[in-house]
Protein backbone atom coordinates (compact mmCIF):
# COMPACT_ATOMS: atom_id res chain seq x y z
CA UNK A 1 2.70 -27.15 -52.90
CA UNK A 2 0.93 -28.02 -49.67
CA UNK A 3 3.10 -28.92 -46.68
CA UNK A 4 2.43 -31.03 -43.61
CA UNK A 5 2.66 -27.95 -41.32
CA UNK A 6 0.46 -25.92 -43.66
CA UNK A 7 -2.23 -28.61 -43.62
CA UNK A 8 -2.03 -29.94 -40.07
CA UNK A 9 -0.13 -27.22 -38.13
CA UNK A 10 2.95 -27.66 -35.97
CA UNK A 11 3.07 -30.37 -33.37
CA UNK A 12 2.50 -29.60 -29.70
CA UNK A 13 5.79 -29.28 -27.80
CA UNK A 14 6.47 -32.09 -25.32
CA UNK A 15 8.42 -30.51 -22.43
CA UNK A 16 9.60 -31.46 -18.95
CA UNK A 17 8.89 -27.94 -17.65
CA UNK A 18 7.12 -24.78 -18.77
CA UNK A 19 9.20 -22.68 -21.21
CA UNK A 20 10.78 -19.48 -19.85
CA UNK A 21 10.28 -17.48 -23.06
CA UNK A 22 6.64 -18.47 -23.58
CA UNK A 23 4.67 -16.48 -26.17
CA UNK A 24 0.95 -15.67 -26.38
CA UNK A 25 -0.75 -18.46 -28.39
CA UNK A 26 1.94 -21.04 -27.60
CA UNK A 27 0.72 -24.54 -26.66
CA UNK A 28 2.77 -27.25 -24.95
CA UNK A 29 2.42 -30.46 -22.98
CA UNK A 30 4.21 -30.56 -19.60
CA UNK A 31 4.87 -34.28 -19.14
CA UNK A 32 6.20 -33.78 -15.60
CA UNK A 33 2.84 -32.50 -14.37
CA UNK A 34 0.93 -34.32 -17.15
CA UNK A 35 -1.06 -31.29 -18.32
CA UNK A 36 -1.62 -29.46 -21.59
CA UNK A 37 -1.04 -25.71 -21.34
CA UNK A 38 -1.63 -22.62 -23.48
CA UNK A 39 -0.42 -19.05 -23.12
CA UNK A 40 -3.19 -16.47 -23.33
CA UNK A 41 -4.02 -13.04 -21.94
CA UNK A 42 -6.22 -11.91 -19.06
CA UNK A 43 -9.64 -10.55 -20.06
CA UNK A 44 -10.38 -8.69 -16.81
CA UNK A 45 -8.19 -7.31 -14.05
CA UNK A 46 -7.83 -9.27 -10.82
CA UNK A 47 -6.36 -8.60 -7.37
CA UNK A 48 -4.22 -11.19 -5.53
CA UNK A 49 -2.64 -11.22 -2.09
CA UNK A 50 0.99 -10.13 -1.70
CA UNK A 51 3.31 -9.99 1.31
CA UNK A 52 2.16 -8.10 4.40
CA UNK A 53 3.65 -4.82 5.62
CA UNK A 54 5.61 -5.09 8.87
CA UNK A 55 3.75 -2.10 10.36
CA UNK A 56 -0.03 -1.78 10.05
CA UNK A 57 -0.91 1.74 8.97
CA UNK A 58 -3.11 4.03 6.94
CA UNK A 59 -2.22 7.27 5.24
CA UNK A 60 1.20 6.17 3.94
CA UNK A 61 2.49 7.28 0.54
CA UNK A 62 3.99 5.00 -2.09
CA UNK A 63 6.40 5.03 -5.01
CA UNK A 64 7.92 2.56 -7.45
CA UNK A 65 6.54 -0.52 -9.15
CA UNK A 66 4.63 -3.64 -8.14
CA UNK A 67 7.84 -5.61 -7.63
CA UNK A 68 10.05 -2.75 -6.38
CA UNK A 69 7.97 -0.41 -4.23
CA UNK A 70 8.45 1.93 -1.28
CA UNK A 71 5.85 2.78 1.40
CA UNK A 72 6.49 5.61 3.87
CA UNK A 73 4.71 7.50 6.64
CA UNK A 74 1.17 6.89 7.87
CA UNK A 75 -0.84 6.71 11.09
CA UNK A 76 -1.84 6.06 13.87
CA UNK A 77 0.28 6.94 15.62
CA UNK A 78 1.85 9.23 13.03
CA UNK A 79 5.01 7.54 11.85
CA UNK A 80 8.15 8.09 9.77
CA UNK A 81 8.52 4.35 9.11
CA UNK A 82 9.63 3.29 5.63
CA UNK A 83 9.40 -0.17 4.04
CA UNK A 84 10.68 -1.58 0.74
CA UNK A 85 8.86 -4.31 -1.25
CA UNK A 86 10.55 -6.81 -3.58
CA UNK A 87 7.39 -8.35 -5.02
CA UNK A 88 7.09 -10.92 -2.23
CA UNK A 89 7.90 -9.32 1.13
CA UNK A 90 8.42 -5.97 2.84
CA UNK A 91 11.66 -4.95 4.59
CA UNK A 92 11.88 -2.12 7.13
CA UNK A 93 14.49 0.44 6.03
CA UNK A 94 15.60 3.85 7.33
CA UNK A 95 12.79 6.14 8.46
CA UNK A 96 11.94 9.62 7.22
CA UNK A 97 13.18 12.60 9.24
CA UNK A 98 9.66 13.98 9.70
CA UNK A 99 6.89 11.68 10.90
CA UNK A 100 3.70 12.39 8.96
CA UNK A 101 0.57 10.95 7.42
CA UNK A 102 -1.62 11.66 4.38
CA UNK A 103 1.40 12.79 2.35
CA UNK A 104 2.29 12.38 -1.32
CA UNK A 105 5.07 10.41 -2.96
CA UNK A 106 6.83 10.36 -6.33
CA UNK A 107 9.63 8.45 -7.99
CA UNK A 108 10.96 4.92 -7.67
CA UNK A 109 11.99 2.55 -4.89
CA UNK A 110 15.58 3.83 -4.96
CA UNK A 111 14.96 7.46 -5.91
CA UNK A 112 11.82 8.82 -4.23
CA UNK A 113 10.35 12.10 -3.00
CA UNK A 114 8.02 12.54 -0.01
CA UNK A 115 6.15 15.82 0.47
CA UNK A 116 3.35 17.37 2.47
CA UNK A 117 1.13 15.54 4.93
CA UNK A 118 1.18 16.21 8.66
CA UNK A 119 -0.08 15.04 11.99
CA UNK A 120 -3.64 15.61 13.12
CA UNK A 121 -4.44 18.55 13.05
CA UNK A 122 -1.21 20.38 11.94
CA UNK A 123 -0.13 20.23 8.30
CA UNK A 124 3.41 20.29 6.96
CA UNK A 125 5.26 21.49 3.88
CA UNK A 126 8.26 19.27 4.62
CA UNK A 127 9.89 17.53 1.65
CA UNK A 128 12.40 14.68 1.77
CA UNK A 129 14.50 12.92 -0.85
CA UNK A 130 15.30 9.18 -0.73
CA UNK A 131 18.51 7.81 -2.30
CA UNK A 132 17.80 4.12 -1.79
CA UNK A 133 19.38 4.10 1.67
CA UNK A 134 18.33 7.19 3.62
CA UNK A 135 16.10 10.27 3.59
CA UNK A 136 17.44 13.84 3.32
CA UNK A 137 15.38 16.91 4.19
CA UNK A 138 15.24 19.31 1.22
CA UNK A 139 13.34 22.53 0.42
CA UNK A 140 9.70 22.58 1.52
CA UNK A 141 6.48 23.05 -0.41
CA UNK A 142 5.25 26.64 -0.63
CA UNK A 143 1.84 25.62 0.72
CA UNK A 144 1.74 23.22 3.67
CA UNK A 145 -1.03 20.66 3.26
CA UNK A 146 -2.13 17.08 3.83
CA UNK A 147 -4.40 14.86 1.71
CA UNK A 148 -2.19 16.11 -1.12
CA UNK A 149 -1.89 14.27 -4.45
CA UNK A 150 1.44 13.88 -6.20
CA UNK A 151 3.14 12.24 -9.17
CA UNK A 152 6.30 12.34 -11.25
CA UNK A 153 9.89 11.48 -10.44
CA UNK A 154 12.34 12.55 -7.73
CA UNK A 155 13.78 15.40 -9.81
CA UNK A 156 10.56 16.47 -11.57
CA UNK A 157 7.47 16.05 -9.37
CA UNK A 158 4.03 17.62 -9.19
CA UNK A 159 1.93 18.26 -6.06
CA UNK A 160 -1.68 19.46 -6.15
CA UNK A 161 -4.79 20.15 -4.07
CA UNK A 162 -5.24 19.13 -0.43
CA UNK A 163 -6.26 20.36 3.00
CA UNK A 164 -4.41 23.39 4.42
CA UNK A 165 -6.07 23.54 7.85
CA UNK A 166 -8.95 25.35 9.55
CA UNK A 167 -11.48 23.62 7.27
CA UNK A 168 -9.82 25.17 4.19
CA UNK A 169 -8.94 23.34 0.97
CA UNK A 170 -6.63 24.36 -1.85
CA UNK A 171 -6.45 23.63 -5.57
CA UNK A 172 -2.90 24.97 -5.82
CA UNK A 173 -0.38 23.14 -7.99
CA UNK A 174 3.37 23.11 -7.34
CA UNK A 175 6.24 21.89 -9.48
CA UNK A 176 9.52 20.43 -8.12
CA UNK A 177 12.73 20.76 -10.16
CA UNK A 178 15.00 18.65 -7.99
CA UNK A 179 15.94 21.61 -5.78
CA UNK A 180 12.88 23.71 -4.97
CA UNK A 181 9.11 23.99 -5.38
CA UNK A 182 7.42 26.61 -7.60
CA UNK A 183 3.76 27.53 -7.24
CA UNK A 184 2.20 27.39 -10.71
CA UNK A 185 -0.61 29.52 -12.13
CA UNK A 186 -2.62 26.34 -12.71
CA UNK A 187 -5.31 25.62 -10.12
CA UNK A 188 -7.55 22.55 -10.23
CA UNK A 189 -11.08 23.30 -11.44
CA UNK A 190 -12.53 21.32 -8.54
CA UNK A 191 -10.77 22.40 -5.35
CA UNK A 192 -10.64 19.33 -3.16
CA UNK A 193 -9.20 17.54 -0.17
CA UNK A 194 -8.78 13.78 0.29
CA UNK A 195 -7.44 13.44 -3.26
CA UNK A 196 -4.59 11.62 -1.52
CA UNK A 197 -3.63 8.70 -3.79
CA UNK A 198 -5.57 10.15 -6.72
CA UNK A 199 -2.65 11.59 -8.65
CA UNK A 200 -0.75 9.74 -11.41
CA UNK A 201 1.47 10.54 -14.37
CA UNK A 202 4.35 12.93 -14.87
CA UNK A 203 5.10 16.56 -14.04
CA UNK A 204 3.75 17.72 -17.41
CA UNK A 205 1.15 15.01 -18.12
CA UNK A 206 -0.80 14.24 -14.95
CA UNK A 207 -4.25 12.99 -13.99
CA UNK A 208 -6.10 13.94 -10.80
CA UNK A 209 -9.28 12.10 -9.78
CA UNK A 210 -11.67 11.75 -6.87
CA UNK A 211 -11.39 13.48 -3.52
CA UNK A 212 -13.72 15.60 -1.44
CA UNK A 213 -14.73 19.03 -2.80
CA UNK A 214 -15.49 22.03 -0.59
CA UNK A 215 -18.82 21.55 1.16
CA UNK A 216 -19.47 18.19 -0.49
CA UNK A 217 -19.02 14.48 -0.29
CA UNK A 218 -16.72 12.28 -2.35
CA UNK A 219 -16.53 13.23 -6.03
CA UNK A 220 -16.10 11.49 -9.38
CA UNK A 221 -14.42 14.56 -10.92
CA UNK A 222 -11.35 13.86 -13.07
CA UNK A 223 -8.91 16.43 -14.45
CA UNK A 224 -6.01 16.23 -16.88
CA UNK A 225 -2.89 18.43 -16.63
CA UNK A 226 -0.79 19.31 -19.70
CA UNK A 227 2.04 21.21 -18.04
CA UNK A 228 0.21 24.53 -17.97
CA UNK A 229 -3.46 24.03 -17.08
CA UNK A 230 -6.04 21.58 -15.73
CA UNK A 231 -8.91 20.41 -17.96
CA UNK A 232 -12.07 18.61 -16.86
CA UNK A 233 -12.39 15.20 -18.52
CA UNK A 234 -14.83 12.29 -18.13
CA UNK A 235 -15.69 11.44 -14.53
CA UNK A 236 -15.21 8.17 -12.66
CA UNK A 237 -18.15 5.80 -12.30
CA UNK A 238 -17.87 5.66 -8.51
CA UNK A 239 -17.32 8.72 -6.32
CA UNK A 240 -14.45 8.19 -3.87
CA UNK A 241 -11.97 9.91 -1.57
CA UNK A 242 -8.80 8.73 0.20
CA UNK A 243 -8.35 6.13 -2.54
CA UNK A 244 -5.41 4.55 -4.36
CA UNK A 245 -4.13 5.17 -7.85
CA UNK A 246 -1.47 3.89 -10.25
CA UNK A 247 -0.36 4.34 -13.85
CA UNK A 248 0.08 7.28 -16.19
CA UNK A 249 -2.13 9.99 -17.66
CA UNK A 250 -3.44 7.79 -20.48
CA UNK A 251 -3.55 4.42 -18.67
CA UNK A 252 -4.73 4.80 -15.10
CA UNK A 253 -6.00 2.69 -12.24
CA UNK A 254 -8.22 3.81 -9.33
CA UNK A 255 -9.15 1.58 -6.39
CA UNK A 256 -10.64 1.56 -2.93
CA UNK A 257 -11.41 4.69 -0.96
CA UNK A 258 -14.71 5.70 0.61
CA UNK A 259 -17.92 7.61 -0.05
CA UNK A 260 -21.16 8.11 1.90
CA UNK A 261 -22.11 4.48 1.23
CA UNK A 262 -19.01 3.23 3.09
CA UNK A 263 -15.55 1.88 2.33
CA UNK A 264 -14.97 0.63 -1.21
CA UNK A 265 -13.38 -2.29 -3.04
CA UNK A 266 -14.34 -1.00 -6.48
CA UNK A 267 -11.65 -0.67 -9.14
CA UNK A 268 -11.72 1.42 -12.33
CA UNK A 269 -9.51 1.61 -15.43
CA UNK A 270 -8.80 4.84 -17.37
CA UNK A 271 -7.96 4.58 -21.09
CA UNK A 272 -7.09 8.23 -21.69
CA UNK A 273 -10.71 9.14 -22.46
CA UNK A 274 -13.04 7.40 -20.02
CA UNK A 275 -13.23 5.21 -16.92
CA UNK A 276 -14.44 1.60 -17.01
CA UNK A 277 -15.48 -0.32 -13.89
CA UNK A 278 -13.47 -3.53 -13.45
CA UNK A 279 -15.60 -6.61 -12.66
CA UNK A 280 -13.53 -7.46 -9.58
CA UNK A 281 -12.22 -5.21 -6.81
CA UNK A 282 -9.96 -5.32 -3.78
CA UNK A 283 -10.42 -8.25 -1.41
CA UNK A 284 -10.94 -5.80 1.46
CA UNK A 285 -12.89 -2.53 1.30
CA UNK A 286 -10.55 0.19 2.62
CA UNK A 287 -9.14 3.67 2.23
CA UNK A 288 -5.84 5.42 3.05
CA UNK A 289 -3.67 2.73 1.41
CA UNK A 290 -0.29 3.44 -0.15
CA UNK A 291 -0.15 2.68 -3.86
CA UNK A 292 2.37 2.17 -6.64
CA UNK A 293 2.81 0.57 -10.04
CA UNK A 294 1.03 0.73 -13.38
CA UNK A 295 -2.45 0.11 -14.75
CA UNK A 296 -1.64 -3.53 -15.52
CA UNK A 297 0.56 -4.12 -12.45
CA UNK A 298 -0.75 -2.03 -9.56
CA UNK A 299 -0.01 -2.29 -5.84
CA UNK A 300 -2.09 -1.50 -2.76
CA UNK A 301 -0.50 -1.73 0.71
CA UNK A 302 -1.96 -1.19 4.16
CA UNK A 303 -4.89 1.15 4.68
CA UNK A 304 -7.83 1.42 7.04
CA UNK A 305 -10.75 -1.02 6.75
CA UNK A 306 -11.19 -0.79 9.85
CA UNK A 307 -8.97 -1.89 11.54
CA UNK A 308 -5.56 -0.75 10.30
CA UNK A 309 -4.22 -3.09 7.63
CA UNK A 310 -0.89 -4.75 6.84
CA UNK A 311 -2.33 -6.54 3.79
CA UNK A 312 -0.83 -5.99 0.34
CA UNK A 313 -2.78 -6.64 -2.85
CA UNK A 314 -1.35 -6.89 -6.36
CA UNK A 315 -3.36 -6.04 -9.47
CA UNK A 316 -2.95 -7.79 -12.81
CA UNK A 317 -4.81 -5.86 -15.48
CA UNK A 318 -6.56 -7.08 -18.62
CA UNK A 319 -4.23 -7.93 -21.49
CA UNK A 320 -1.48 -9.38 -19.28
CA UNK A 321 0.00 -12.72 -20.28
CA UNK A 322 -1.30 -15.74 -18.37
CA UNK A 323 -0.65 -19.48 -18.65
CA UNK A 324 -3.75 -21.67 -18.52
CA UNK A 325 -4.19 -25.42 -18.19
CA UNK A 326 -6.33 -26.97 -20.93
CA UNK A 327 -8.96 -29.31 -19.53
CA UNK A 328 -11.35 -31.64 -21.33
CA UNK A 329 -14.69 -32.59 -19.82
């Protein structure tokens, strides 16, 4: 037998405020603001302004999520400064023991690892562990380098490629077990510098993208790591170096950086097989930003435009829930 709801559907909720447990497809009328609303999903990724860093800088590393991030190091001048982000504002916390720039980071806001980097021109192998309050110097990388890429967690991190000094690059990969670094047999197929920010994933399932190969300009080259070797996969659409990255091996985000055409705003999404250019990019073209988060909730902080930046931008990727006001014209 036919029912009223089966024939006409359920009535629109009449509420004084927006529901806290709203579901995709839900429709309601907010009589306080006198608007009809519907819960949908984003179709393209967009960047929005967040809270500014306290210290303008480029070359800092990042760890954590969009609403609980850590940014540390950077230049100029080369600094050990560390800041924590709560999704709205940055707070200055205890500094690293070794001031450095163009380093790599791994882990979370309360359990992070900082490694490599340097001042200009020396490079460093120094590694430090963050416990949510302070940094502790631990065992160093086997190969000192800056412009290094990194990913993973505090007790299981991966560091790869970079600049080792005297115009020499390395494709060496090192694995961290919570106590010490081990140089692995795996070497990236494209040896590169300026891959800084272009490493995402875990110690055994990583993605490395972009950078500057030996004797060349910025590259689109992308490689996937399975815990034992690097494999060339589909390239990015836009060549870039000194860029930002977020996500995991199968759901990645690349943004900003630079190539011979200049500084970039362009943003790309990785689906585990190929890169897709996002219709909108960063508000400011820049490189050397610290980055954190996921493909659908990425974070970019600071960088060099020029000048040095304090600006933070937050990325909301396609498929994220969004509440829209229904208008009739």
